[in-house]
Protein backbone atom coordinates (compact mmCIF):
# COMPACT_ATOMS: atom_id res chain seq x y z
CA MET A 1 70.41 85.78 79.10
CA ASN A 2 72.36 88.35 77.08
CA ARG A 3 75.10 90.56 78.41
CA TRP A 4 72.83 93.55 78.90
CA ASN A 5 70.30 91.60 80.90
CA ARG A 6 73.04 90.09 83.06
CA VAL A 7 74.30 93.58 83.80
CA PHE A 8 70.81 94.79 84.62
CA VAL A 9 69.88 91.90 86.87
CA ALA A 10 73.19 91.97 88.70
CA SER A 11 73.08 95.67 89.31
CA THR A 12 72.80 96.98 92.83
CA PHE A 13 73.79 100.48 91.86
CA VAL A 14 71.21 103.19 92.20
CA PHE A 15 72.06 106.66 90.95
CA SER A 16 68.65 108.16 90.78
CA LEU A 17 66.47 111.18 91.13
CA LEU A 18 63.72 110.46 88.65
CA GLY A 19 66.48 108.23 87.42
CA SER A 20 68.90 111.12 87.86
CA ALA A 21 72.19 112.15 89.39
CA THR A 22 70.80 115.04 91.39
CA HIS A 23 70.02 113.09 94.57
CA VAL A 24 73.25 113.55 96.48
CA LEU A 25 74.35 110.92 98.95
CA ALA A 26 76.97 111.19 101.65
CA GLU A 27 80.41 110.25 100.47
CA GLY A 28 81.01 106.53 100.87
CA SER A 29 77.34 105.76 101.51
CA HIS A 30 75.26 103.34 99.45
CA PRO A 31 71.66 104.12 98.53
CA PRO A 32 68.99 101.61 99.55
CA HIS A 33 68.22 99.17 96.75
CA TRP A 34 64.84 99.25 95.03
CA GLU A 35 63.32 97.71 91.93
CA TYR A 36 60.22 97.95 89.74
CA ILE A 37 58.99 94.42 90.52
CA GLY A 38 58.96 91.98 93.42
CA LYS A 39 59.66 92.57 97.09
CA GLU A 40 61.50 95.81 96.33
CA GLY A 41 58.89 97.02 93.85
CA PRO A 42 56.75 100.20 94.00
CA GLU A 43 54.20 98.85 96.48
CA HIS A 44 57.06 98.29 98.95
CA TRP A 45 59.22 101.38 98.32
CA GLY A 46 57.88 103.19 101.37
CA GLU A 47 58.96 100.31 103.61
CA ILE A 48 62.51 99.86 102.29
CA ASP A 49 64.05 102.84 104.05
CA PRO A 50 62.80 105.78 106.17
CA GLN A 51 63.94 108.25 103.50
CA PHE A 52 61.46 106.57 101.11
CA GLU A 53 58.46 107.19 103.39
CA LYS A 54 56.83 109.66 100.98
CA CYS A 55 56.45 106.82 98.48
CA LYS A 56 53.77 105.44 100.84
CA THR A 57 52.44 108.48 102.71
CA GLY A 58 52.66 111.30 100.15
CA HIS A 59 49.46 112.88 98.80
CA ASN A 60 51.05 114.62 95.81
CA GLN A 61 52.66 111.64 94.12
CA SER A 62 53.51 110.96 90.48
CA PRO A 63 52.79 109.67 87.93
CA ILE A 64 49.05 110.17 87.45
CA ASP A 65 46.36 109.31 84.94
CA ILE A 66 45.36 112.61 83.34
CA THR A 67 41.63 111.99 82.97
CA SER A 68 40.15 115.39 83.66
CA ALA A 69 42.03 118.64 83.41
CA LYS A 70 40.85 122.17 84.02
CA PRO A 71 41.25 124.22 80.81
CA GLU A 72 43.32 127.31 81.42
CA LYS A 73 45.41 129.78 79.47
CA LEU A 74 48.73 128.31 80.48
CA SER A 75 51.78 130.29 79.47
CA PRO A 76 53.82 128.56 76.77
CA ILE A 77 56.97 126.89 78.04
CA GLN A 78 59.97 128.79 76.72
CA PHE A 79 62.55 126.20 75.67
CA ASP A 80 66.16 127.26 75.22
CA TYR A 81 67.88 124.03 74.27
CA LYS A 82 70.97 123.67 72.10
CA ALA A 83 73.05 120.87 70.62
CA ALA A 84 76.06 119.90 72.71
CA PRO A 85 78.14 116.88 73.75
CA VAL A 86 76.42 114.69 76.33
CA ALA A 87 77.28 111.72 78.51
CA LEU A 88 75.29 108.52 78.94
CA ILE A 89 74.95 106.44 82.09
CA ASN A 90 73.26 103.12 82.76
CA ASN A 91 72.12 103.72 86.33
CA GLY A 92 70.72 100.23 86.78
CA HIS A 93 67.14 101.35 86.18
CA THR A 94 67.27 103.29 82.91
CA ILE A 95 69.53 105.06 80.45
CA GLN A 96 70.17 108.61 81.57
CA VAL A 97 71.67 111.34 79.41
CA ASN A 98 73.55 114.03 81.32
CA VAL A 99 73.72 117.39 79.56
CA PRO A 100 76.06 120.37 79.99
CA LYS A 101 74.93 123.68 81.44
CA GLY A 102 73.20 126.17 79.21
CA ASN A 103 69.92 124.38 78.41
CA THR A 104 66.93 125.97 80.12
CA ILE A 105 63.17 126.30 80.20
CA THR A 106 61.19 129.24 81.53
CA VAL A 107 57.77 128.58 83.06
CA ASN A 108 55.66 131.47 84.34
CA GLY A 109 58.75 133.65 84.57
CA LYS A 110 60.87 131.09 86.47
CA LYS A 111 63.95 129.67 84.79
CA TYR A 112 65.01 126.05 85.24
CA GLU A 113 68.27 124.47 84.09
CA LEU A 114 68.14 121.09 82.33
CA LEU A 115 70.19 118.52 84.25
CA GLN A 116 69.48 115.32 82.39
CA PHE A 117 66.86 113.30 80.57
CA HIS A 118 66.03 109.62 80.82
CA PHE A 119 63.52 107.04 79.63
CA HIS A 120 60.74 104.85 81.01
CA SER A 121 58.86 101.95 79.45
CA PRO A 122 55.94 101.84 79.35
CA SER A 123 55.07 105.47 79.92
CA GLU A 124 54.55 106.40 83.56
CA HIS A 125 51.81 108.96 82.97
CA LYS A 126 48.60 108.03 81.24
CA ILE A 127 46.03 110.11 79.41
CA SER A 128 42.47 108.89 79.97
CA GLY A 129 43.78 105.47 80.90
CA LYS A 130 46.03 105.12 77.86
CA SER A 131 49.78 104.59 78.16
CA GLY A 132 52.50 105.37 75.66
CA GLU A 133 55.07 102.74 74.76
CA MET A 134 57.75 104.87 76.41
CA GLU A 135 58.14 108.25 78.10
CA VAL A 136 61.10 110.60 78.26
CA HIS A 137 61.57 112.84 81.30
CA LEU A 138 63.58 116.03 80.95
CA VAL A 139 64.61 117.00 84.48
CA HIS A 140 65.23 120.67 85.33
CA LYS A 141 66.22 122.54 88.47
CA SER A 142 65.82 126.23 89.36
CA ALA A 143 68.39 128.38 91.14
CA GLU A 144 66.26 127.92 94.27
CA GLY A 145 66.46 124.14 93.99
CA GLU A 146 62.93 123.59 92.67
CA LEU A 147 62.38 120.81 90.14
CA ALA A 148 60.40 120.95 86.91
CA VAL A 149 60.07 117.88 84.72
CA VAL A 150 58.83 117.82 81.14
CA GLY A 151 57.26 114.47 80.27
CA VAL A 152 56.89 113.41 76.64
CA PHE A 153 55.17 110.23 75.46
CA ILE A 154 56.98 108.07 72.90
CA ASN A 155 55.20 105.72 70.49
CA SER A 156 56.23 103.50 67.59
CA GLY A 157 56.54 105.09 64.17
CA LYS A 158 59.47 106.19 62.10
CA GLU A 159 63.05 105.69 63.22
CA ASN A 160 64.42 108.47 65.43
CA GLY A 161 67.93 109.51 64.41
CA VAL A 162 68.85 110.96 67.80
CA VAL A 163 67.70 107.83 69.61
CA LYS A 164 69.67 105.78 67.07
CA THR A 165 72.83 107.67 68.06
CA LEU A 166 72.14 107.19 71.77
CA TRP A 167 71.27 103.50 71.46
CA GLU A 168 74.46 102.85 69.47
CA ASN A 169 76.46 104.17 72.41
CA LEU A 170 74.70 102.56 75.36
CA PRO A 171 77.16 102.04 78.23
CA ALA A 172 77.57 98.39 79.17
CA GLU A 173 78.79 98.94 82.72
CA VAL A 174 76.35 100.10 85.36
CA GLY A 175 77.28 103.39 87.02
CA LYS A 176 79.98 104.42 84.56
CA GLU A 177 79.42 107.63 82.63
CA LYS A 178 80.18 107.31 78.92
CA PRO A 179 80.90 110.63 77.14
CA LEU A 180 79.42 110.88 73.67
CA ALA A 181 82.12 113.00 72.09
CA GLN A 182 81.54 112.24 68.43
CA ALA A 183 78.03 113.71 68.21
CA ASN A 184 76.13 116.67 69.61
CA ILE A 185 72.66 115.99 70.97
CA ASN A 186 69.90 118.60 71.10
CA PRO A 187 67.29 117.88 73.80
CA ALA A 188 64.76 119.77 71.67
CA ASP A 189 64.67 116.71 69.42
CA PHE A 190 62.67 114.99 72.16
CA LEU A 191 59.90 117.58 72.07
CA PRO A 192 56.77 117.29 69.90
CA ALA A 193 56.11 119.93 67.26
CA LYS A 194 52.98 121.06 69.12
CA ARG A 195 53.83 121.76 72.75
CA THR A 196 50.44 121.84 74.43
CA TYR A 197 50.80 120.50 77.94
CA SER A 198 49.10 119.62 81.21
CA ASN A 199 50.48 120.93 84.49
CA TYR A 200 50.15 119.58 88.00
CA PRO A 201 52.10 119.44 91.30
CA GLY A 202 53.68 116.06 91.85
CA SER A 203 56.72 114.12 92.94
CA LEU A 204 59.68 112.13 91.81
CA THR A 205 58.49 108.86 90.27
CA THR A 206 61.34 106.92 91.88
CA PRO A 207 62.50 106.74 95.50
CA PRO A 208 62.65 108.85 97.60
CA CYS A 209 59.43 110.08 95.90
CA SER A 210 60.07 113.65 97.09
CA GLU A 211 57.19 116.04 96.41
CA GLY A 212 57.22 119.61 95.15
CA VAL A 213 57.93 118.71 91.51
CA ASN A 214 56.34 120.91 88.84
CA TRP A 215 55.15 118.46 86.17
CA LEU A 216 54.66 119.58 82.57
CA VAL A 217 53.27 116.66 80.54
CA MET A 218 53.05 117.11 76.78
CA LYS A 219 49.78 116.14 75.11
CA ASP A 220 51.41 115.07 71.84
CA SER A 221 53.97 112.30 71.52
CA ILE A 222 57.15 111.78 69.53
CA GLU A 223 58.07 108.73 67.47
CA VAL A 224 60.78 106.11 67.52
CA SER A 225 60.83 102.88 65.52
CA LYS A 226 59.48 99.63 66.95
CA PRO A 227 63.00 98.11 66.99
CA GLN A 228 64.21 101.14 68.96
CA VAL A 229 61.50 100.55 71.57
CA GLU A 230 62.39 96.86 71.66
CA LYS A 231 66.09 97.53 72.13
CA PHE A 232 65.35 99.58 75.25
CA THR A 233 62.81 97.11 76.66
CA SER A 234 65.18 94.19 76.08
CA ILE A 235 67.48 95.86 78.62
CA PHE A 236 64.87 97.47 80.88
CA PRO A 237 61.60 95.54 80.46
CA MET A 238 59.73 97.46 83.19
CA THR A 239 60.66 100.97 84.31
CA ALA A 240 57.32 102.52 85.24
CA ARG A 241 55.77 103.26 88.61
CA PRO A 242 51.99 102.70 88.66
CA VAL A 243 49.79 105.79 88.52
CA GLN A 244 49.07 107.40 91.89
CA PRO A 245 45.85 108.86 93.37
CA LEU A 246 45.16 112.46 92.42
CA HIS A 247 43.67 113.31 95.84
CA GLU A 248 42.78 117.02 95.99
CA ARG A 249 45.07 118.18 93.22
CA THR A 250 43.93 120.07 90.15
CA VAL A 251 45.41 119.28 86.76
CA LYS A 252 45.56 122.27 84.45
CA ALA A 253 45.48 121.89 80.68
CA ALA A 254 46.27 124.49 78.06
CA GLU A 255 43.18 125.60 76.17
């Protein structure tokens, strides 16, 4: 077992809201431990702790399989991302990239600030039953505290220079933030050229599975090289919650 896998297996640190740092815990408290497999896996999340109840009882859960979407004239997402220094953190479940203030999206007139982005493998969302090799989630929050997450599928292809920079600076210690001072990262590099998307109301894909998340899932994917996928999966072999029932929700798709 290599060093990275030892760190991952030994980790009991959870610093996560969709893998993020926006779920604030009381000072000195320790979040309940959860995993992607076994007795603390997704089918048991709702039983681990009362604050995870939505993982079992929620009716607007994510991810989903986007099999049928209602065509609509969805407003284009207005992205205002810029290159800036970032910081990486191994939160025990994924690699998360924390970004400085000043990166925003505007959706239907509402502005959301980008907090961080992180990765899953395989993809959490599916399109007509098909998964991507990975998925990146760009997590945003409005001034009113509402969340909007842009999901982008990642598949094997040509090497991705931005991912190369991130992977070369992966933090070895769980829970420690590692500033990436020598390079500026532009979150726009994780967006496909064509930004057609599907939109639906959902939830966090990790505990506590809170609902009220505005999901914006891109139809087109971006590319990384096969070795870049394998480097991530060698550390985090499974980081995807199974798809959840759609129930009465409507998925909207840009015409």
